[in-house]
ModelCIF file with pLDDT and N, C-alpha, C, O atoms, coordinates in Angstrom:
data_MODEL
#
_entry.id   MODEL 
#
_entity.id                         1 
_entity.type                       polymer 
_entity.pdbx_number_of_molecules   1 
#
_entity_poly.entity_id                      1 
_entity_poly.type                           'polypeptide(L)' 
_entity_poly.nstd_linkage                   no 
_entity_poly.nstd_monomer                   no 
_entity_poly.pdbx_seq_one_letter_code       DSVLAGVAALGLLFSERKVKVTELHLMESARFILESYDGSTAPSVDLV 
_entity_poly.pdbx_seq_one_letter_code_can   DSVLAGVAALGLLFSERKVKVTELHLMESARFILESYDGSTAPSVDLV 
_entity_poly.pdbx_strand_id                 A 
#
loop_
_entity_poly_seq.entity_id 
_entity_poly_seq.num 
_entity_poly_seq.mon_id 
_entity_poly_seq.hetero 
1 1  ASP n 
1 2  SER n 
1 3  VAL n 
1 4  LEU n 
1 5  ALA n 
1 6  GLY n 
1 7  VAL n 
1 8  ALA n 
1 9  ALA n 
1 10 LEU n 
1 11 GLY n 
1 12 LEU n 
1 13 LEU n 
1 14 PHE n 
1 15 SER n 
1 16 GLU n 
1 17 ARG n 
1 18 LYS n 
1 19 VAL n 
1 20 LYS n 
1 21 VAL n 
1 22 THR n 
1 23 GLU n 
1 24 LEU n 
1 25 HIS n 
1 26 LEU n 
1 27 MET n 
1 28 GLU n 
1 29 SER n 
1 30 ALA n 
1 31 ARG n 
1 32 PHE n 
1 33 ILE n 
1 34 LEU n 
1 35 GLU n 
1 36 SER n 
1 37 TYR n 
1 38 ASP n 
1 39 GLY n 
1 40 SER n 
1 41 THR n 
1 42 ALA n 
1 43 PRO n 
1 44 SER n 
1 45 VAL n 
1 46 ASP n 
1 47 LEU n 
1 48 VAL n 
#
_struct_asym.id          A 
_struct_asym.entity_id   1 
#
loop_
_ma_qa_metric.id 
_ma_qa_metric.mode 
_ma_qa_metric.name 
_ma_qa_metric.software_group_id 
_ma_qa_metric.type 
1 global pLDDT . pLDDT 
2 local  pLDDT . pLDDT 
#
_ma_qa_metric_global.metric_id      1 
_ma_qa_metric_global.metric_value   93.73 
_ma_qa_metric_global.model_id       1 
_ma_qa_metric_global.ordinal_id     1 
#
loop_
_ma_qa_metric_local.label_asym_id 
_ma_qa_metric_local.label_comp_id 
_ma_qa_metric_local.label_seq_id 
_ma_qa_metric_local.metric_id 
_ma_qa_metric_local.metric_value 
_ma_qa_metric_local.model_id 
_ma_qa_metric_local.ordinal_id 
A ASP 1  2 95.00 1 1  
A SER 2  2 96.00 1 2  
A VAL 3  2 97.00 1 3  
A LEU 4  2 97.00 1 4  
A ALA 5  2 96.00 1 5  
A GLY 6  2 97.00 1 6  
A VAL 7  2 98.00 1 7  
A ALA 8  2 97.00 1 8  
A ALA 9  2 97.00 1 9  
A LEU 10 2 97.00 1 10 
A GLY 11 2 97.00 1 11 
A LEU 12 2 97.00 1 12 
A LEU 13 2 96.00 1 13 
A PHE 14 2 97.00 1 14 
A SER 15 2 96.00 1 15 
A GLU 16 2 93.00 1 16 
A ARG 17 2 91.00 1 17 
A LYS 18 2 90.00 1 18 
A VAL 19 2 90.00 1 19 
A LYS 20 2 90.00 1 20 
A VAL 21 2 91.00 1 21 
A THR 22 2 93.00 1 22 
A GLU 23 2 94.00 1 23 
A LEU 24 2 93.00 1 24 
A HIS 25 2 93.00 1 25 
A LEU 26 2 95.00 1 26 
A MET 27 2 94.00 1 27 
A GLU 28 2 93.00 1 28 
A SER 29 2 93.00 1 29 
A ALA 30 2 95.00 1 30 
A ARG 31 2 94.00 1 31 
A PHE 32 2 94.00 1 32 
A ILE 33 2 94.00 1 33 
A LEU 34 2 95.00 1 34 
A GLU 35 2 93.00 1 35 
A SER 36 2 91.00 1 36 
A TYR 37 2 91.00 1 37 
A ASP 38 2 89.00 1 38 
A GLY 39 2 86.00 1 39 
A SER 40 2 88.00 1 40 
A THR 41 2 89.00 1 41 
A ALA 42 2 91.00 1 42 
A PRO 43 2 93.00 1 43 
A SER 44 2 93.00 1 44 
A VAL 45 2 94.00 1 45 
A ASP 46 2 94.00 1 46 
A LEU 47 2 96.00 1 47 
A VAL 48 2 96.00 1 48 
#
loop_
_atom_site.group_PDB 
_atom_site.id 
_atom_site.type_symbol 
_atom_site.label_atom_id 
_atom_site.label_alt_id 
_atom_site.label_comp_id 
_atom_site.label_asym_id 
_atom_site.label_entity_id 
_atom_site.label_seq_id 
_atom_site.pdbx_PDB_ins_code 
_atom_site.Cartn_x 
_atom_site.Cartn_y 
_atom_site.Cartn_z 
_atom_site.occupancy 
_atom_site.B_iso_or_equiv 
_atom_site.pdbx_formal_charge 
_atom_site.auth_seq_id 
_atom_site.auth_comp_id 
_atom_site.auth_asym_id 
_atom_site.auth_atom_id 
_atom_site.pdbx_PDB_model_num 
ATOM 1   N N  . ASP A 1 1  ? -10.403 39.803 6.936  1.00 95.00 ? 1  ASP A N  1 
ATOM 2   C CA . ASP A 1 1  ? -9.876  38.461 6.690  1.00 95.00 ? 1  ASP A CA 1 
ATOM 3   C C  . ASP A 1 1  ? -11.004 37.419 6.723  1.00 95.00 ? 1  ASP A C  1 
ATOM 4   O O  . ASP A 1 1  ? -10.921 36.392 6.048  1.00 95.00 ? 1  ASP A O  1 
ATOM 5   N N  . SER A 1 2  ? -12.049 37.681 7.501  1.00 96.00 ? 2  SER A N  1 
ATOM 6   C CA . SER A 1 2  ? -13.178 36.747 7.531  1.00 96.00 ? 2  SER A CA 1 
ATOM 7   C C  . SER A 1 2  ? -13.911 36.748 6.193  1.00 96.00 ? 2  SER A C  1 
ATOM 8   O O  . SER A 1 2  ? -14.451 35.722 5.777  1.00 96.00 ? 2  SER A O  1 
ATOM 9   N N  . VAL A 1 3  ? -13.929 37.894 5.520  1.00 97.00 ? 3  VAL A N  1 
ATOM 10  C CA . VAL A 1 3  ? -14.540 37.972 4.186  1.00 97.00 ? 3  VAL A CA 1 
ATOM 11  C C  . VAL A 1 3  ? -13.686 37.210 3.188  1.00 97.00 ? 3  VAL A C  1 
ATOM 12  O O  . VAL A 1 3  ? -14.207 36.439 2.382  1.00 97.00 ? 3  VAL A O  1 
ATOM 13  N N  . LEU A 1 4  ? -12.361 37.425 3.238  1.00 97.00 ? 4  LEU A N  1 
ATOM 14  C CA . LEU A 1 4  ? -11.457 36.716 2.334  1.00 97.00 ? 4  LEU A CA 1 
ATOM 15  C C  . LEU A 1 4  ? -11.555 35.207 2.532  1.00 97.00 ? 4  LEU A C  1 
ATOM 16  O O  . LEU A 1 4  ? -11.600 34.455 1.558  1.00 97.00 ? 4  LEU A O  1 
ATOM 17  N N  . ALA A 1 5  ? -11.588 34.759 3.792  1.00 96.00 ? 5  ALA A N  1 
ATOM 18  C CA . ALA A 1 5  ? -11.656 33.324 4.083  1.00 96.00 ? 5  ALA A CA 1 
ATOM 19  C C  . ALA A 1 5  ? -12.999 32.737 3.656  1.00 96.00 ? 5  ALA A C  1 
ATOM 20  O O  . ALA A 1 5  ? -13.057 31.620 3.144  1.00 96.00 ? 5  ALA A O  1 
ATOM 21  N N  . GLY A 1 6  ? -14.076 33.490 3.867  1.00 97.00 ? 6  GLY A N  1 
ATOM 22  C CA . GLY A 1 6  ? -15.393 33.000 3.475  1.00 97.00 ? 6  GLY A CA 1 
ATOM 23  C C  . GLY A 1 6  ? -15.520 32.847 1.968  1.00 97.00 ? 6  GLY A C  1 
ATOM 24  O O  . GLY A 1 6  ? -16.077 31.858 1.492  1.00 97.00 ? 6  GLY A O  1 
ATOM 25  N N  . VAL A 1 7  ? -15.014 33.804 1.220  1.00 98.00 ? 7  VAL A N  1 
ATOM 26  C CA . VAL A 1 7  ? -15.053 33.727 -0.241 1.00 98.00 ? 7  VAL A CA 1 
ATOM 27  C C  . VAL A 1 7  ? -14.225 32.541 -0.729 1.00 98.00 ? 7  VAL A C  1 
ATOM 28  O O  . VAL A 1 7  ? -14.659 31.811 -1.621 1.00 98.00 ? 7  VAL A O  1 
ATOM 29  N N  . ALA A 1 8  ? -13.041 32.343 -0.156 1.00 97.00 ? 8  ALA A N  1 
ATOM 30  C CA . ALA A 1 8  ? -12.176 31.235 -0.572 1.00 97.00 ? 8  ALA A CA 1 
ATOM 31  C C  . ALA A 1 8  ? -12.817 29.885 -0.250 1.00 97.00 ? 8  ALA A C  1 
ATOM 32  O O  . ALA A 1 8  ? -12.745 28.960 -1.059 1.00 97.00 ? 8  ALA A O  1 
ATOM 33  N N  . ALA A 1 9  ? -13.452 29.762 0.938  1.00 97.00 ? 9  ALA A N  1 
ATOM 34  C CA . ALA A 1 9  ? -14.092 28.506 1.318  1.00 97.00 ? 9  ALA A CA 1 
ATOM 35  C C  . ALA A 1 9  ? -15.241 28.164 0.383  1.00 97.00 ? 9  ALA A C  1 
ATOM 36  O O  . ALA A 1 9  ? -15.409 27.008 -0.004 1.00 97.00 ? 9  ALA A O  1 
ATOM 37  N N  . LEU A 1 10 ? -16.030 29.167 0.020  1.00 97.00 ? 10 LEU A N  1 
ATOM 38  C CA . LEU A 1 10 ? -17.122 28.926 -0.922 1.00 97.00 ? 10 LEU A CA 1 
ATOM 39  C C  . LEU A 1 10 ? -16.578 28.620 -2.315 1.00 97.00 ? 10 LEU A C  1 
ATOM 40  O O  . LEU A 1 10 ? -17.185 27.852 -3.062 1.00 97.00 ? 10 LEU A O  1 
ATOM 41  N N  . GLY A 1 11 ? -15.446 29.210 -2.668 1.00 97.00 ? 11 GLY A N  1 
ATOM 42  C CA . GLY A 1 11 ? -14.811 28.874 -3.932 1.00 97.00 ? 11 GLY A CA 1 
ATOM 43  C C  . GLY A 1 11 ? -14.407 27.411 -3.985 1.00 97.00 ? 11 GLY A C  1 
ATOM 44  O O  . GLY A 1 11 ? -14.551 26.765 -5.023 1.00 97.00 ? 11 GLY A O  1 
ATOM 45  N N  . LEU A 1 12 ? -13.901 26.882 -2.876 1.00 97.00 ? 12 LEU A N  1 
ATOM 46  C CA . LEU A 1 12 ? -13.564 25.459 -2.810 1.00 97.00 ? 12 LEU A CA 1 
ATOM 47  C C  . LEU A 1 12 ? -14.819 24.600 -2.836 1.00 97.00 ? 12 LEU A C  1 
ATOM 48  O O  . LEU A 1 12 ? -14.843 23.561 -3.496 1.00 97.00 ? 12 LEU A O  1 
ATOM 49  N N  . LEU A 1 13 ? -15.858 25.019 -2.127 1.00 96.00 ? 13 LEU A N  1 
ATOM 50  C CA . LEU A 1 13 ? -17.101 24.259 -2.096 1.00 96.00 ? 13 LEU A CA 1 
ATOM 51  C C  . LEU A 1 13 ? -17.707 24.137 -3.486 1.00 96.00 ? 13 LEU A C  1 
ATOM 52  O O  . LEU A 1 13 ? -18.297 23.109 -3.819 1.00 96.00 ? 13 LEU A O  1 
ATOM 53  N N  . PHE A 1 14 ? -17.568 25.171 -4.293 1.00 97.00 ? 14 PHE A N  1 
ATOM 54  C CA . PHE A 1 14 ? -18.146 25.187 -5.632 1.00 97.00 ? 14 PHE A CA 1 
ATOM 55  C C  . PHE A 1 14 ? -17.170 24.717 -6.706 1.00 97.00 ? 14 PHE A C  1 
ATOM 56  O O  . PHE A 1 14 ? -17.429 24.893 -7.896 1.00 97.00 ? 14 PHE A O  1 
ATOM 57  N N  . SER A 1 15 ? -16.058 24.126 -6.300 1.00 96.00 ? 15 SER A N  1 
ATOM 58  C CA . SER A 1 15 ? -15.113 23.589 -7.283 1.00 96.00 ? 15 SER A CA 1 
ATOM 59  C C  . SER A 1 15 ? -14.640 22.183 -6.939 1.00 96.00 ? 15 SER A C  1 
ATOM 60  O O  . SER A 1 15 ? -14.148 21.471 -7.815 1.00 96.00 ? 15 SER A O  1 
ATOM 61  N N  . GLU A 1 16 ? -14.779 21.769 -5.681 1.00 93.00 ? 16 GLU A N  1 
ATOM 62  C CA . GLU A 1 16 ? -14.330 20.450 -5.240 1.00 93.00 ? 16 GLU A CA 1 
ATOM 63  C C  . GLU A 1 16 ? -15.496 19.698 -4.607 1.00 93.00 ? 16 GLU A C  1 
ATOM 64  O O  . GLU A 1 16 ? -16.072 20.148 -3.617 1.00 93.00 ? 16 GLU A O  1 
ATOM 65  N N  . ARG A 1 17 ? -15.841 18.531 -5.197 1.00 91.00 ? 17 ARG A N  1 
ATOM 66  C CA . ARG A 1 17 ? -16.946 17.754 -4.627 1.00 91.00 ? 17 ARG A CA 1 
ATOM 67  C C  . ARG A 1 17 ? -16.545 17.091 -3.311 1.00 91.00 ? 17 ARG A C  1 
ATOM 68  O O  . ARG A 1 17 ? -17.399 16.814 -2.469 1.00 91.00 ? 17 ARG A O  1 
ATOM 69  N N  . LYS A 1 18 ? -15.265 16.840 -3.134 1.00 90.00 ? 18 LYS A N  1 
ATOM 70  C CA . LYS A 1 18 ? -14.770 16.278 -1.881 1.00 90.00 ? 18 LYS A CA 1 
ATOM 71  C C  . LYS A 1 18 ? -13.973 17.339 -1.146 1.00 90.00 ? 18 LYS A C  1 
ATOM 72  O O  . LYS A 1 18 ? -13.192 18.076 -1.748 1.00 90.00 ? 18 LYS A O  1 
ATOM 73  N N  . VAL A 1 19 ? -14.178 17.409 0.151  1.00 90.00 ? 19 VAL A N  1 
ATOM 74  C CA . VAL A 1 19 ? -13.584 18.477 0.941  1.00 90.00 ? 19 VAL A CA 1 
ATOM 75  C C  . VAL A 1 19 ? -12.072 18.294 1.051  1.00 90.00 ? 19 VAL A C  1 
ATOM 76  O O  . VAL A 1 19 ? -11.565 17.173 1.085  1.00 90.00 ? 19 VAL A O  1 
ATOM 77  N N  . LYS A 1 20 ? -11.379 19.407 1.105  1.00 90.00 ? 20 LYS A N  1 
ATOM 78  C CA . LYS A 1 20 ? -9.945  19.428 1.367  1.00 90.00 ? 20 LYS A CA 1 
ATOM 79  C C  . LYS A 1 20 ? -9.710  20.115 2.703  1.00 90.00 ? 20 LYS A C  1 
ATOM 80  O O  . LYS A 1 20 ? -10.530 20.913 3.157  1.00 90.00 ? 20 LYS A O  1 
ATOM 81  N N  . VAL A 1 21 ? -8.589  19.797 3.323  1.00 91.00 ? 21 VAL A N  1 
ATOM 82  C CA . VAL A 1 21 ? -8.305  20.359 4.636  1.00 91.00 ? 21 VAL A CA 1 
ATOM 83  C C  . VAL A 1 21 ? -8.178  21.874 4.568  1.00 91.00 ? 21 VAL A C  1 
ATOM 84  O O  . VAL A 1 21 ? -8.428  22.558 5.559  1.00 91.00 ? 21 VAL A O  1 
ATOM 85  N N  . THR A 1 22 ? -7.791  22.409 3.408  1.00 93.00 ? 22 THR A N  1 
ATOM 86  C CA . THR A 1 22 ? -7.690  23.865 3.252  1.00 93.00 ? 22 THR A CA 1 
ATOM 87  C C  . THR A 1 22 ? -9.031  24.538 3.508  1.00 93.00 ? 22 THR A C  1 
ATOM 88  O O  . THR A 1 22 ? -9.097  25.597 4.131  1.00 93.00 ? 22 THR A O  1 
ATOM 89  N N  . GLU A 1 23 ? -10.091 23.917 3.024  1.00 94.00 ? 23 GLU A N  1 
ATOM 90  C CA . GLU A 1 23 ? -11.438 24.478 3.216  1.00 94.00 ? 23 GLU A CA 1 
ATOM 91  C C  . GLU A 1 23 ? -11.794 24.553 4.691  1.00 94.00 ? 23 GLU A C  1 
ATOM 92  O O  . GLU A 1 23 ? -12.374 25.537 5.149  1.00 94.00 ? 23 GLU A O  1 
ATOM 93  N N  . LEU A 1 24 ? -11.444 23.509 5.430  1.00 93.00 ? 24 LEU A N  1 
ATOM 94  C CA . LEU A 1 24 ? -11.733 23.500 6.866  1.00 93.00 ? 24 LEU A CA 1 
ATOM 95  C C  . LEU A 1 24 ? -10.901 24.547 7.605  1.00 93.00 ? 24 LEU A C  1 
ATOM 96  O O  . LEU A 1 24 ? -11.393 25.200 8.524  1.00 93.00 ? 24 LEU A O  1 
ATOM 97  N N  . HIS A 1 25 ? -9.653  24.702 7.204  1.00 93.00 ? 25 HIS A N  1 
ATOM 98  C CA . HIS A 1 25 ? -8.809  25.739 7.819  1.00 93.00 ? 25 HIS A CA 1 
ATOM 99  C C  . HIS A 1 25 ? -9.385  27.132 7.572  1.00 93.00 ? 25 HIS A C  1 
ATOM 100 O O  . HIS A 1 25 ? -9.387  27.977 8.468  1.00 93.00 ? 25 HIS A O  1 
ATOM 101 N N  . LEU A 1 26 ? -9.866  27.363 6.369  1.00 95.00 ? 26 LEU A N  1 
ATOM 102 C CA . LEU A 1 26 ? -10.433 28.671 6.037  1.00 95.00 ? 26 LEU A CA 1 
ATOM 103 C C  . LEU A 1 26 ? -11.658 28.980 6.889  1.00 95.00 ? 26 LEU A C  1 
ATOM 104 O O  . LEU A 1 26 ? -11.783 30.086 7.413  1.00 95.00 ? 26 LEU A O  1 
ATOM 105 N N  . MET A 1 27 ? -12.568 28.005 7.034  1.00 94.00 ? 27 MET A N  1 
ATOM 106 C CA . MET A 1 27 ? -13.774 28.249 7.830  1.00 94.00 ? 27 MET A CA 1 
ATOM 107 C C  . MET A 1 27 ? -13.449 28.401 9.312  1.00 94.00 ? 27 MET A C  1 
ATOM 108 O O  . MET A 1 27 ? -14.118 29.163 10.011 1.00 94.00 ? 27 MET A O  1 
ATOM 109 N N  . GLU A 1 28 ? -12.447 27.699 9.798  1.00 93.00 ? 28 GLU A N  1 
ATOM 110 C CA . GLU A 1 28 ? -12.057 27.842 11.201 1.00 93.00 ? 28 GLU A CA 1 
ATOM 111 C C  . GLU A 1 28 ? -11.440 29.218 11.442 1.00 93.00 ? 28 GLU A C  1 
ATOM 112 O O  . GLU A 1 28 ? -11.690 29.848 12.469 1.00 93.00 ? 28 GLU A O  1 
ATOM 113 N N  . SER A 1 29 ? -10.639 29.675 10.496 1.00 93.00 ? 29 SER A N  1 
ATOM 114 C CA . SER A 1 29 ? -10.043 31.009 10.620 1.00 93.00 ? 29 SER A CA 1 
ATOM 115 C C  . SER A 1 29 ? -11.123 32.085 10.624 1.00 93.00 ? 29 SER A C  1 
ATOM 116 O O  . SER A 1 29 ? -11.071 33.017 11.427 1.00 93.00 ? 29 SER A O  1 
ATOM 117 N N  . ALA A 1 30 ? -12.113 31.955 9.718  1.00 95.00 ? 30 ALA A N  1 
ATOM 118 C CA . ALA A 1 30 ? -13.207 32.932 9.668  1.00 95.00 ? 30 ALA A CA 1 
ATOM 119 C C  . ALA A 1 30 ? -14.024 32.896 10.955 1.00 95.00 ? 30 ALA A C  1 
ATOM 120 O O  . ALA A 1 30 ? -14.384 33.941 11.496 1.00 95.00 ? 30 ALA A O  1 
ATOM 121 N N  . ARG A 1 31 ? -14.315 31.696 11.442 1.00 94.00 ? 31 ARG A N  1 
ATOM 122 C CA . ARG A 1 31 ? -15.101 31.575 12.685 1.00 94.00 ? 31 ARG A CA 1 
ATOM 123 C C  . ARG A 1 31 ? -14.407 32.275 13.848 1.00 94.00 ? 31 ARG A C  1 
ATOM 124 O O  . ARG A 1 31 ? -15.052 32.986 14.619 1.00 94.00 ? 31 ARG A O  1 
ATOM 125 N N  . PHE A 1 32 ? -13.085 32.075 13.980 1.00 94.00 ? 32 PHE A N  1 
ATOM 126 C CA . PHE A 1 32 ? -12.344 32.671 15.088 1.00 94.00 ? 32 PHE A CA 1 
ATOM 127 C C  . PHE A 1 32 ? -12.396 34.199 15.012 1.00 94.00 ? 32 PHE A C  1 
ATOM 128 O O  . PHE A 1 32 ? -12.576 34.868 16.029 1.00 94.00 ? 32 PHE A O  1 
ATOM 129 N N  . ILE A 1 33 ? -12.239 34.742 13.818 1.00 94.00 ? 33 ILE A N  1 
ATOM 130 C CA . ILE A 1 33 ? -12.258 36.210 13.658 1.00 94.00 ? 33 ILE A CA 1 
ATOM 131 C C  . ILE A 1 33 ? -13.643 36.757 13.987 1.00 94.00 ? 33 ILE A C  1 
ATOM 132 O O  . ILE A 1 33 ? -13.759 37.748 14.707 1.00 94.00 ? 33 ILE A O  1 
ATOM 133 N N  . LEU A 1 34 ? -14.692 36.124 13.469 1.00 95.00 ? 34 LEU A N  1 
ATOM 134 C CA . LEU A 1 34 ? -16.051 36.627 13.667 1.00 95.00 ? 34 LEU A CA 1 
ATOM 135 C C  . LEU A 1 34 ? -16.471 36.553 15.125 1.00 95.00 ? 34 LEU A C  1 
ATOM 136 O O  . LEU A 1 34 ? -17.141 37.459 15.623 1.00 95.00 ? 34 LEU A O  1 
ATOM 137 N N  . GLU A 1 35 ? -16.091 35.498 15.807 1.00 93.00 ? 35 GLU A N  1 
ATOM 138 C CA . GLU A 1 35 ? -16.494 35.341 17.211 1.00 93.00 ? 35 GLU A CA 1 
ATOM 139 C C  . GLU A 1 35 ? -15.606 36.137 18.152 1.00 93.00 ? 35 GLU A C  1 
ATOM 140 O O  . GLU A 1 35 ? -15.869 36.175 19.354 1.00 93.00 ? 35 GLU A O  1 
ATOM 141 N N  . SER A 1 36 ? -14.559 36.775 17.635 1.00 91.00 ? 36 SER A N  1 
ATOM 142 C CA . SER A 1 36 ? -13.709 37.634 18.468 1.00 91.00 ? 36 SER A CA 1 
ATOM 143 C C  . SER A 1 36 ? -14.290 39.027 18.636 1.00 91.00 ? 36 SER A C  1 
ATOM 144 O O  . SER A 1 36 ? -13.761 39.822 19.413 1.00 91.00 ? 36 SER A O  1 
ATOM 145 N N  . TYR A 1 37 ? -15.346 39.333 17.938 1.00 91.00 ? 37 TYR A N  1 
ATOM 146 C CA . TYR A 1 37 ? -15.992 40.650 18.060 1.00 91.00 ? 37 TYR A CA 1 
ATOM 147 C C  . TYR A 1 37 ? -16.498 40.825 19.489 1.00 91.00 ? 37 TYR A C  1 
ATOM 148 O O  . TYR A 1 37 ? -17.280 40.009 19.978 1.00 91.00 ? 37 TYR A O  1 
ATOM 149 N N  . ASP A 1 38 ? -16.049 41.897 20.161 1.00 89.00 ? 38 ASP A N  1 
ATOM 150 C CA . ASP A 1 38 ? -16.362 42.079 21.585 1.00 89.00 ? 38 ASP A CA 1 
ATOM 151 C C  . ASP A 1 38 ? -17.622 42.900 21.834 1.00 89.00 ? 38 ASP A C  1 
ATOM 152 O O  . ASP A 1 38 ? -18.084 42.979 22.973 1.00 89.00 ? 38 ASP A O  1 
ATOM 153 N N  . GLY A 1 39 ? -18.188 43.513 20.798 1.00 86.00 ? 39 GLY A N  1 
ATOM 154 C CA . GLY A 1 39 ? -19.431 44.255 20.976 1.00 86.00 ? 39 GLY A CA 1 
ATOM 155 C C  . GLY A 1 39 ? -19.265 45.618 21.597 1.00 86.00 ? 39 GLY A C  1 
ATOM 156 O O  . GLY A 1 39 ? -20.258 46.231 21.990 1.00 86.00 ? 39 GLY A O  1 
ATOM 157 N N  . SER A 1 40 ? -18.050 46.117 21.701 1.00 88.00 ? 40 SER A N  1 
ATOM 158 C CA . SER A 1 40 ? -17.850 47.438 22.320 1.00 88.00 ? 40 SER A CA 1 
ATOM 159 C C  . SER A 1 40 ? -18.266 48.568 21.381 1.00 88.00 ? 40 SER A C  1 
ATOM 160 O O  . SER A 1 40 ? -18.589 49.667 21.833 1.00 88.00 ? 40 SER A O  1 
ATOM 161 N N  . THR A 1 41 ? -18.259 48.305 20.103 1.00 89.00 ? 41 THR A N  1 
ATOM 162 C CA . THR A 1 41 ? -18.692 49.288 19.109 1.00 89.00 ? 41 THR A CA 1 
ATOM 163 C C  . THR A 1 41 ? -19.740 48.647 18.207 1.00 89.00 ? 41 THR A C  1 
ATOM 164 O O  . THR A 1 41 ? -19.923 47.430 18.210 1.00 89.00 ? 41 THR A O  1 
ATOM 165 N N  . ALA A 1 42 ? -20.421 49.485 17.439 1.00 91.00 ? 42 ALA A N  1 
ATOM 166 C CA . ALA A 1 42 ? -21.432 48.969 16.515 1.00 91.00 ? 42 ALA A CA 1 
ATOM 167 C C  . ALA A 1 42 ? -20.771 48.079 15.472 1.00 91.00 ? 42 ALA A C  1 
ATOM 168 O O  . ALA A 1 42 ? -19.659 48.371 15.033 1.00 91.00 ? 42 ALA A O  1 
ATOM 169 N N  . PRO A 1 43 ? -21.427 47.009 15.071 1.00 93.00 ? 43 PRO A N  1 
ATOM 170 C CA . PRO A 1 43 ? -20.839 46.101 14.066 1.00 93.00 ? 43 PRO A CA 1 
ATOM 171 C C  . PRO A 1 43 ? -20.576 46.841 12.764 1.00 93.00 ? 43 PRO A C  1 
ATOM 172 O O  . PRO A 1 43 ? -21.359 47.694 12.344 1.00 93.00 ? 43 PRO A O  1 
ATOM 173 N N  . SER A 1 44 ? -19.463 46.499 12.136 1.00 93.00 ? 44 SER A N  1 
ATOM 174 C CA . SER A 1 44 ? -19.112 47.106 10.860 1.00 93.00 ? 44 SER A CA 1 
ATOM 175 C C  . SER A 1 44 ? -19.721 46.306 9.720  1.00 93.00 ? 44 SER A C  1 
ATOM 176 O O  . SER A 1 44 ? -20.177 45.179 9.911  1.00 93.00 ? 44 SER A O  1 
ATOM 177 N N  . VAL A 1 45 ? -19.723 46.908 8.522  1.00 94.00 ? 45 VAL A N  1 
ATOM 178 C CA . VAL A 1 45 ? -20.211 46.219 7.337  1.00 94.00 ? 45 VAL A CA 1 
ATOM 179 C C  . VAL A 1 45 ? -19.340 45.009 7.029  1.00 94.00 ? 45 VAL A C  1 
ATOM 180 O O  . VAL A 1 45 ? -19.844 43.986 6.565  1.00 94.00 ? 45 VAL A O  1 
ATOM 181 N N  . ASP A 1 46 ? -18.029 45.114 7.285  1.00 94.00 ? 46 ASP A N  1 
ATOM 182 C CA . ASP A 1 46 ? -17.132 43.986 7.041  1.00 94.00 ? 46 ASP A CA 1 
ATOM 183 C C  . ASP A 1 46 ? -17.487 42.806 7.936  1.00 94.00 ? 46 ASP A C  1 
ATOM 184 O O  . ASP A 1 46 ? -17.474 41.658 7.492  1.00 94.00 ? 46 ASP A O  1 
ATOM 185 N N  . LEU A 1 47 ? -17.802 43.090 9.192  1.00 96.00 ? 47 LEU A N  1 
ATOM 186 C CA . LEU A 1 47 ? -18.192 42.016 10.112 1.00 96.00 ? 47 LEU A CA 1 
ATOM 187 C C  . LEU A 1 47 ? -19.488 41.352 9.645  1.00 96.00 ? 47 LEU A C  1 
ATOM 188 O O  . LEU A 1 47 ? -19.595 40.126 9.647  1.00 96.00 ? 47 LEU A O  1 
ATOM 189 N N  . VAL A 1 48 ? -20.466 42.156 9.248  1.00 96.00 ? 48 VAL A N  1 
ATOM 190 C CA . VAL A 1 48 ? -21.734 41.614 8.762  1.00 96.00 ? 48 VAL A CA 1 
ATOM 191 C C  . VAL A 1 48 ? -21.513 40.783 7.504  1.00 96.00 ? 48 VAL A C  1 
ATOM 192 O O  . VAL A 1 48 ? -22.468 40.243 6.945  1.00 96.00 ? 48 VAL A O  1 
#
């Protein structure tokens, strides 16, 4: 989901000169998922 959110946020960045709240929601969702990684296993390619 962090990959999906990151792609969508960059899609908005490259199509809208002024930010929309959707873009901020997407980056916040991606940040929460990425920072939830607990480090108990080796990082996956999806996480990277």
